[in-house]
Amino acid sequence: MQKVPGSHRDLLKAQFATLATVGASGRPQQSVVWFLAEGDDIGISLSNSRQKTANLQRNPTCSLLILDPTNSFRYLEVRGQAKITADEGYVFATKVGAKYGADLRQYDAPGDTRLIVTIVPERVRAVDMSG
């Protein structure tokens, strides 16, 4: 498992990331997501009814891109496999919600459940082309 280098660890506190998954047709599907980094783990709270969730359950290959909001020449890309587990009692979703000042339950349809998607890094690219 690769780790995020110190030069780019600050990006793990960014507000948004772009998650790329592989759709049923084999084409990429991208979504801007909220995320939470805990140590070297990058987690995303997803509803079980979302397209990206279905994509990851079918094919766990994914990529997460975090662009530096102050310097668009600097970014972090984490490629790997998604590990999906149940979020019993919305424990992880509550942590994510605290980062964003939101209750993730408000985004769920009746009957939805929350899942924790943890990206297991296979390749980490820390890029800085600013100088």
N, C-alpha and C. Protein backbone atom coordinates (compact mmCIF):
# COMPACT_ATOMS: atom_id res chain seq x y z
N MET A 1 0.85 -1.18 0.00
CA MET A 1 0.00 0.00 0.00
C MET A 1 0.89 1.24 0.00
N GLN A 2 0.62 2.15 -0.91
CA GLN A 2 1.37 3.40 -0.97
C GLN A 2 0.78 4.42 -0.02
N LYS A 3 1.59 5.37 0.39
CA LYS A 3 1.15 6.41 1.31
C LYS A 3 1.26 7.77 0.63
N VAL A 4 0.48 8.71 1.12
CA VAL A 4 0.53 10.08 0.62
C VAL A 4 1.80 10.72 1.18
N PRO A 5 2.64 11.29 0.30
CA PRO A 5 3.87 11.92 0.80
C PRO A 5 3.57 13.18 1.61
N GLY A 6 4.49 13.52 2.48
CA GLY A 6 4.34 14.70 3.33
C GLY A 6 4.09 15.97 2.56
N SER A 7 4.66 16.06 1.36
CA SER A 7 4.52 17.27 0.55
C SER A 7 3.07 17.56 0.14
N HIS A 8 2.22 16.54 0.20
CA HIS A 8 0.84 16.70 -0.26
C HIS A 8 -0.20 16.30 0.79
N ARG A 9 0.23 16.01 2.00
CA ARG A 9 -0.71 15.59 3.04
C ARG A 9 -1.73 16.67 3.37
N ASP A 10 -1.35 17.94 3.17
CA ASP A 10 -2.29 19.03 3.44
C ASP A 10 -3.54 18.93 2.57
N LEU A 11 -3.41 18.32 1.39
CA LEU A 11 -4.57 18.19 0.50
C LEU A 11 -5.63 17.24 1.06
N LEU A 12 -5.24 16.40 1.99
CA LEU A 12 -6.20 15.48 2.62
C LEU A 12 -7.21 16.22 3.48
N LYS A 13 -6.96 17.51 3.70
CA LYS A 13 -7.91 18.34 4.46
C LYS A 13 -8.79 19.18 3.53
N ALA A 14 -8.62 19.02 2.22
CA ALA A 14 -9.40 19.79 1.24
C ALA A 14 -10.89 19.49 1.39
N GLN A 15 -11.70 20.38 0.85
CA GLN A 15 -13.14 20.22 0.96
C GLN A 15 -13.71 19.19 -0.01
N PHE A 16 -13.16 19.12 -1.21
CA PHE A 16 -13.77 18.26 -2.23
C PHE A 16 -12.72 17.44 -2.96
N ALA A 17 -13.18 16.33 -3.49
CA ALA A 17 -12.35 15.48 -4.35
C ALA A 17 -13.23 14.99 -5.49
N THR A 18 -12.60 14.52 -6.54
CA THR A 18 -13.33 13.93 -7.66
C THR A 18 -13.07 12.43 -7.64
N LEU A 19 -14.14 11.67 -7.54
CA LEU A 19 -14.06 10.21 -7.53
C LEU A 19 -14.41 9.69 -8.91
N ALA A 20 -13.51 8.91 -9.48
CA ALA A 20 -13.76 8.27 -10.77
C ALA A 20 -13.98 6.77 -10.55
N THR A 21 -15.09 6.28 -11.10
CA THR A 21 -15.40 4.85 -11.05
C THR A 21 -15.62 4.36 -12.47
N VAL A 22 -15.77 3.05 -12.61
CA VAL A 22 -15.99 2.46 -13.93
C VAL A 22 -17.46 2.06 -14.02
N GLY A 23 -18.16 2.64 -15.00
CA GLY A 23 -19.58 2.33 -15.18
C GLY A 23 -19.80 0.97 -15.81
N ALA A 24 -21.04 0.55 -15.88
CA ALA A 24 -21.39 -0.76 -16.44
C ALA A 24 -20.95 -0.89 -17.89
N SER A 25 -20.90 0.23 -18.61
CA SER A 25 -20.49 0.20 -20.02
C SER A 25 -18.97 0.14 -20.18
N GLY A 26 -18.25 0.27 -19.06
CA GLY A 26 -16.79 0.31 -19.12
C GLY A 26 -16.24 1.71 -19.22
N ARG A 27 -17.12 2.68 -19.31
CA ARG A 27 -16.70 4.08 -19.40
C ARG A 27 -16.56 4.67 -18.00
N PRO A 28 -15.69 5.66 -17.87
CA PRO A 28 -15.53 6.28 -16.55
C PRO A 28 -16.74 7.12 -16.16
N GLN A 29 -16.99 7.19 -14.87
CA GLN A 29 -18.03 8.05 -14.32
C GLN A 29 -17.36 8.82 -13.19
N GLN A 30 -17.49 10.14 -13.20
CA GLN A 30 -16.86 10.97 -12.18
C GLN A 30 -17.90 11.72 -11.38
N SER A 31 -17.60 11.89 -10.10
CA SER A 31 -18.47 12.64 -9.20
C SER A 31 -17.61 13.41 -8.22
N VAL A 32 -18.03 14.62 -7.92
CA VAL A 32 -17.39 15.37 -6.84
C VAL A 32 -17.96 14.83 -5.53
N VAL A 33 -17.08 14.52 -4.59
CA VAL A 33 -17.51 13.90 -3.34
C VAL A 33 -16.91 14.61 -2.13
N TRP A 34 -17.58 14.45 -1.01
CA TRP A 34 -17.03 14.81 0.29
C TRP A 34 -16.23 13.60 0.75
N PHE A 35 -15.16 13.83 1.47
CA PHE A 35 -14.32 12.73 1.93
C PHE A 35 -13.73 13.07 3.28
N LEU A 36 -13.19 12.06 3.91
CA LEU A 36 -12.53 12.25 5.20
C LEU A 36 -11.29 11.38 5.24
N ALA A 37 -10.17 12.00 5.50
CA ALA A 37 -8.92 11.25 5.66
C ALA A 37 -8.67 11.05 7.15
N GLU A 38 -8.41 9.82 7.50
CA GLU A 38 -8.06 9.47 8.87
C GLU A 38 -6.75 8.70 8.80
N GLY A 39 -5.66 9.38 9.16
CA GLY A 39 -4.34 8.78 8.97
C GLY A 39 -4.07 8.62 7.49
N ASP A 40 -3.76 7.41 7.07
CA ASP A 40 -3.51 7.15 5.65
C ASP A 40 -4.73 6.64 4.92
N ASP A 41 -5.84 6.48 5.63
CA ASP A 41 -7.08 6.00 5.01
C ASP A 41 -7.89 7.18 4.49
N ILE A 42 -8.40 7.04 3.28
CA ILE A 42 -9.30 8.03 2.71
C ILE A 42 -10.66 7.37 2.57
N GLY A 43 -11.63 7.93 3.27
CA GLY A 43 -12.96 7.34 3.27
C GLY A 43 -14.00 8.27 2.69
N ILE A 44 -15.01 7.66 2.09
CA ILE A 44 -16.13 8.39 1.50
C ILE A 44 -17.40 7.72 2.02
N SER A 45 -18.36 8.52 2.41
CA SER A 45 -19.65 7.99 2.85
C SER A 45 -20.62 8.07 1.67
N LEU A 46 -21.10 6.91 1.23
CA LEU A 46 -22.02 6.88 0.09
C LEU A 46 -23.32 6.18 0.47
N SER A 47 -24.39 6.65 -0.12
CA SER A 47 -25.68 5.99 0.01
C SER A 47 -25.67 4.75 -0.88
N ASN A 48 -26.37 3.73 -0.45
CA ASN A 48 -26.42 2.49 -1.24
C ASN A 48 -27.17 2.66 -2.56
N SER A 49 -27.91 3.77 -2.73
CA SER A 49 -28.70 3.95 -3.95
C SER A 49 -27.99 4.75 -5.03
N ARG A 50 -26.75 5.17 -4.81
CA ARG A 50 -26.05 6.03 -5.76
C ARG A 50 -25.40 5.20 -6.88
N GLN A 51 -25.28 5.81 -8.06
CA GLN A 51 -24.67 5.15 -9.20
C GLN A 51 -23.22 4.77 -8.92
N LYS A 52 -22.48 5.66 -8.28
CA LYS A 52 -21.08 5.37 -8.00
C LYS A 52 -20.94 4.18 -7.05
N THR A 53 -21.93 4.01 -6.17
CA THR A 53 -21.91 2.85 -5.27
C THR A 53 -22.08 1.57 -6.08
N ALA A 54 -23.05 1.56 -6.99
CA ALA A 54 -23.25 0.38 -7.85
C ALA A 54 -22.01 0.09 -8.69
N ASN A 55 -21.40 1.15 -9.21
CA ASN A 55 -20.18 0.97 -9.99
C ASN A 55 -19.08 0.31 -9.16
N LEU A 56 -18.88 0.80 -7.94
CA LEU A 56 -17.82 0.25 -7.09
C LEU A 56 -18.12 -1.17 -6.63
N GLN A 57 -19.39 -1.49 -6.43
CA GLN A 57 -19.74 -2.85 -6.03
C GLN A 57 -19.48 -3.83 -7.18
N ARG A 58 -19.66 -3.37 -8.40
CA ARG A 58 -19.43 -4.20 -9.57
C ARG A 58 -17.94 -4.28 -9.90
N ASN A 59 -17.24 -3.15 -9.76
CA ASN A 59 -15.82 -3.06 -10.09
C ASN A 59 -15.20 -2.08 -9.12
N PRO A 60 -14.42 -2.55 -8.14
CA PRO A 60 -13.89 -1.66 -7.11
C PRO A 60 -12.74 -0.76 -7.55
N THR A 61 -12.32 -0.85 -8.80
CA THR A 61 -11.24 0.00 -9.29
C THR A 61 -11.71 1.45 -9.32
N CYS A 62 -10.90 2.34 -8.76
CA CYS A 62 -11.29 3.75 -8.70
C CYS A 62 -10.07 4.65 -8.63
N SER A 63 -10.34 5.94 -8.76
CA SER A 63 -9.31 6.96 -8.63
C SER A 63 -9.94 8.16 -7.93
N LEU A 64 -9.17 8.76 -7.04
CA LEU A 64 -9.62 9.95 -6.34
C LEU A 64 -8.62 11.07 -6.63
N LEU A 65 -9.13 12.19 -7.11
CA LEU A 65 -8.29 13.33 -7.44
C LEU A 65 -8.65 14.49 -6.52
N ILE A 66 -7.61 15.03 -5.86
CA ILE A 66 -7.80 16.19 -4.99
C ILE A 66 -6.94 17.32 -5.55
N LEU A 67 -7.60 18.36 -6.02
CA LEU A 67 -6.94 19.52 -6.58
C LEU A 67 -6.70 20.54 -5.48
N ASP A 68 -5.50 21.10 -5.44
CA ASP A 68 -5.20 22.15 -4.47
C ASP A 68 -6.05 23.37 -4.81
N PRO A 69 -6.93 23.80 -3.91
CA PRO A 69 -7.82 24.92 -4.24
C PRO A 69 -7.10 26.27 -4.39
N THR A 70 -5.86 26.34 -3.94
CA THR A 70 -5.11 27.60 -4.06
C THR A 70 -4.06 27.58 -5.16
N ASN A 71 -3.83 26.40 -5.75
CA ASN A 71 -2.79 26.26 -6.77
C ASN A 71 -3.19 25.12 -7.71
N SER A 72 -3.80 25.44 -8.82
CA SER A 72 -4.32 24.41 -9.73
C SER A 72 -3.21 23.62 -10.43
N PHE A 73 -1.96 23.97 -10.20
CA PHE A 73 -0.84 23.20 -10.75
C PHE A 73 -0.40 22.10 -9.79
N ARG A 74 -1.12 21.96 -8.68
CA ARG A 74 -0.74 21.00 -7.63
C ARG A 74 -1.96 20.13 -7.32
N TYR A 75 -1.73 18.82 -7.32
CA TYR A 75 -2.83 17.91 -7.02
C TYR A 75 -2.31 16.58 -6.50
N LEU A 76 -3.23 15.79 -6.01
CA LEU A 76 -2.95 14.46 -5.50
C LEU A 76 -3.92 13.50 -6.16
N GLU A 77 -3.39 12.42 -6.71
CA GLU A 77 -4.25 11.38 -7.27
C GLU A 77 -3.96 10.08 -6.54
N VAL A 78 -5.01 9.43 -6.09
CA VAL A 78 -4.90 8.14 -5.42
C VAL A 78 -5.68 7.13 -6.25
N ARG A 79 -4.96 6.16 -6.79
CA ARG A 79 -5.59 5.09 -7.57
C ARG A 79 -5.58 3.82 -6.73
N GLY A 80 -6.66 3.07 -6.81
CA GLY A 80 -6.68 1.83 -6.04
C GLY A 80 -7.98 1.09 -6.13
N GLN A 81 -8.22 0.32 -5.10
CA GLN A 81 -9.42 -0.50 -5.01
C GLN A 81 -10.26 0.00 -3.84
N ALA A 82 -11.56 0.03 -4.04
CA ALA A 82 -12.48 0.45 -2.99
C ALA A 82 -12.85 -0.74 -2.13
N LYS A 83 -12.74 -0.54 -0.85
CA LYS A 83 -13.21 -1.53 0.13
C LYS A 83 -14.52 -0.96 0.69
N ILE A 84 -15.60 -1.70 0.56
CA ILE A 84 -16.92 -1.21 0.95
C ILE A 84 -17.41 -1.97 2.17
N THR A 85 -17.78 -1.21 3.20
CA THR A 85 -18.33 -1.81 4.42
C THR A 85 -19.57 -1.04 4.84
N ALA A 86 -20.42 -1.69 5.60
CA ALA A 86 -21.63 -1.05 6.10
C ALA A 86 -21.27 -0.01 7.15
N ASP A 87 -21.99 1.10 7.15
CA ASP A 87 -21.80 2.13 8.15
C ASP A 87 -22.92 1.99 9.18
N GLU A 88 -22.72 1.06 10.07
CA GLU A 88 -23.73 0.77 11.10
C GLU A 88 -23.94 2.00 11.97
N GLY A 89 -25.16 2.45 12.09
CA GLY A 89 -25.50 3.57 12.95
C GLY A 89 -25.00 4.92 12.46
N TYR A 90 -24.64 5.01 11.19
CA TYR A 90 -24.18 6.28 10.61
C TYR A 90 -22.96 6.84 11.34
N VAL A 91 -22.12 5.98 11.90
CA VAL A 91 -20.97 6.45 12.66
C VAL A 91 -20.00 7.22 11.77
N PHE A 92 -19.60 6.63 10.64
CA PHE A 92 -18.67 7.32 9.75
C PHE A 92 -19.35 8.50 9.07
N ALA A 93 -20.58 8.36 8.66
CA ALA A 93 -21.31 9.45 8.02
C ALA A 93 -21.41 10.65 8.95
N THR A 94 -21.53 10.41 10.24
CA THR A 94 -21.58 11.51 11.21
C THR A 94 -20.24 12.23 11.26
N LYS A 95 -19.14 11.49 11.18
CA LYS A 95 -17.80 12.11 11.16
C LYS A 95 -17.62 12.96 9.89
N VAL A 96 -18.05 12.42 8.77
CA VAL A 96 -17.95 13.18 7.51
C VAL A 96 -18.81 14.43 7.60
N GLY A 97 -20.03 14.25 8.09
CA GLY A 97 -20.93 15.38 8.24
C GLY A 97 -20.36 16.48 9.13
N ALA A 98 -19.64 16.09 10.18
CA ALA A 98 -19.02 17.08 11.07
C ALA A 98 -18.01 17.93 10.32
N LYS A 99 -17.26 17.32 9.40
CA LYS A 99 -16.29 18.07 8.60
C LYS A 99 -16.98 19.12 7.75
N TYR A 100 -18.16 18.81 7.26
CA TYR A 100 -18.87 19.68 6.32
C TYR A 100 -20.03 20.45 6.96
N GLY A 101 -20.24 20.27 8.25
CA GLY A 101 -21.33 20.98 8.91
C GLY A 101 -22.70 20.56 8.40
N ALA A 102 -22.86 19.26 8.15
CA ALA A 102 -24.11 18.76 7.57
C ALA A 102 -24.47 17.41 8.18
N ASP A 103 -25.75 17.09 8.12
CA ASP A 103 -26.24 15.78 8.50
C ASP A 103 -26.50 15.02 7.21
N LEU A 104 -25.71 13.99 6.92
CA LEU A 104 -25.82 13.27 5.66
C LEU A 104 -27.15 12.57 5.50
N ARG A 105 -27.88 12.36 6.58
CA ARG A 105 -29.20 11.73 6.48
C ARG A 105 -30.14 12.55 5.59
N GLN A 106 -29.94 13.87 5.56
CA GLN A 106 -30.82 14.72 4.76
C GLN A 106 -30.67 14.47 3.26
N TYR A 107 -29.59 13.80 2.86
CA TYR A 107 -29.36 13.52 1.44
C TYR A 107 -29.81 12.11 1.05
N ASP A 108 -30.27 11.35 2.02
CA ASP A 108 -30.68 9.97 1.77
C ASP A 108 -32.19 9.87 1.55
N ALA A 109 -32.57 9.04 0.61
CA ALA A 109 -33.98 8.75 0.38
C ALA A 109 -34.45 7.75 1.45
N PRO A 110 -35.76 7.69 1.70
CA PRO A 110 -36.26 6.70 2.66
C PRO A 110 -35.80 5.29 2.26
N GLY A 111 -35.31 4.57 3.24
CA GLY A 111 -34.84 3.21 3.00
C GLY A 111 -33.38 3.09 2.60
N ASP A 112 -32.73 4.22 2.30
CA ASP A 112 -31.30 4.17 1.96
C ASP A 112 -30.49 3.80 3.20
N THR A 113 -29.36 3.19 2.95
CA THR A 113 -28.39 2.93 4.00
C THR A 113 -27.07 3.56 3.59
N ARG A 114 -26.21 3.77 4.54
CA ARG A 114 -24.90 4.37 4.28
C ARG A 114 -23.83 3.29 4.26
N LEU A 115 -22.88 3.49 3.35
CA LEU A 115 -21.73 2.60 3.23
C LEU A 115 -20.46 3.42 3.38
N ILE A 116 -19.43 2.78 3.89
CA ILE A 116 -18.12 3.40 3.98
C ILE A 116 -17.28 2.86 2.84
N VAL A 117 -16.80 3.76 2.00
CA VAL A 117 -15.91 3.38 0.90
C VAL A 117 -14.52 3.84 1.30
N THR A 118 -13.63 2.90 1.50
CA THR A 118 -12.24 3.20 1.83
C THR A 118 -11.40 2.87 0.61
N ILE A 119 -10.62 3.83 0.16
CA ILE A 119 -9.76 3.59 -1.00
C ILE A 119 -8.44 3.01 -0.52
N VAL A 120 -8.14 1.81 -0.99
CA VAL A 120 -6.87 1.16 -0.68
C VAL A 120 -5.89 1.55 -1.78
N PRO A 121 -4.94 2.45 -1.49
CA PRO A 121 -4.07 2.99 -2.54
C PRO A 121 -3.12 1.95 -3.14
N GLU A 122 -3.11 1.89 -4.46
CA GLU A 122 -2.14 1.07 -5.19
C GLU A 122 -1.11 1.95 -5.86
N ARG A 123 -1.52 3.20 -6.16
CA ARG A 123 -0.61 4.18 -6.74
C ARG A 123 -1.01 5.56 -6.24
N VAL A 124 -0.05 6.29 -5.77
CA VAL A 124 -0.26 7.65 -5.30
C VAL A 124 0.62 8.56 -6.14
N ARG A 125 0.00 9.56 -6.78
CA ARG A 125 0.74 10.54 -7.56
C ARG A 125 0.57 11.90 -6.91
N ALA A 126 1.66 12.44 -6.42
CA ALA A 126 1.68 13.78 -5.84
C ALA A 126 2.35 14.69 -6.87
N VAL A 127 1.59 15.59 -7.45
CA VAL A 127 2.08 16.41 -8.55
C VAL A 127 2.11 17.88 -8.14
N ASP A 128 3.23 18.53 -8.48
CA ASP A 128 3.36 19.97 -8.29
C ASP A 128 4.11 20.53 -9.48
N MET A 129 3.40 21.15 -10.39
CA MET A 129 4.00 21.71 -11.61
C MET A 129 4.11 23.23 -11.51
N SER A 130 4.04 23.75 -10.29
CA SER A 130 4.00 25.22 -10.13
C SER A 130 5.37 25.88 -10.15
N GLY A 131 6.39 25.12 -10.24
CA GLY A 131 7.67 25.82 -10.31
C GLY A 131 8.78 24.99 -9.91
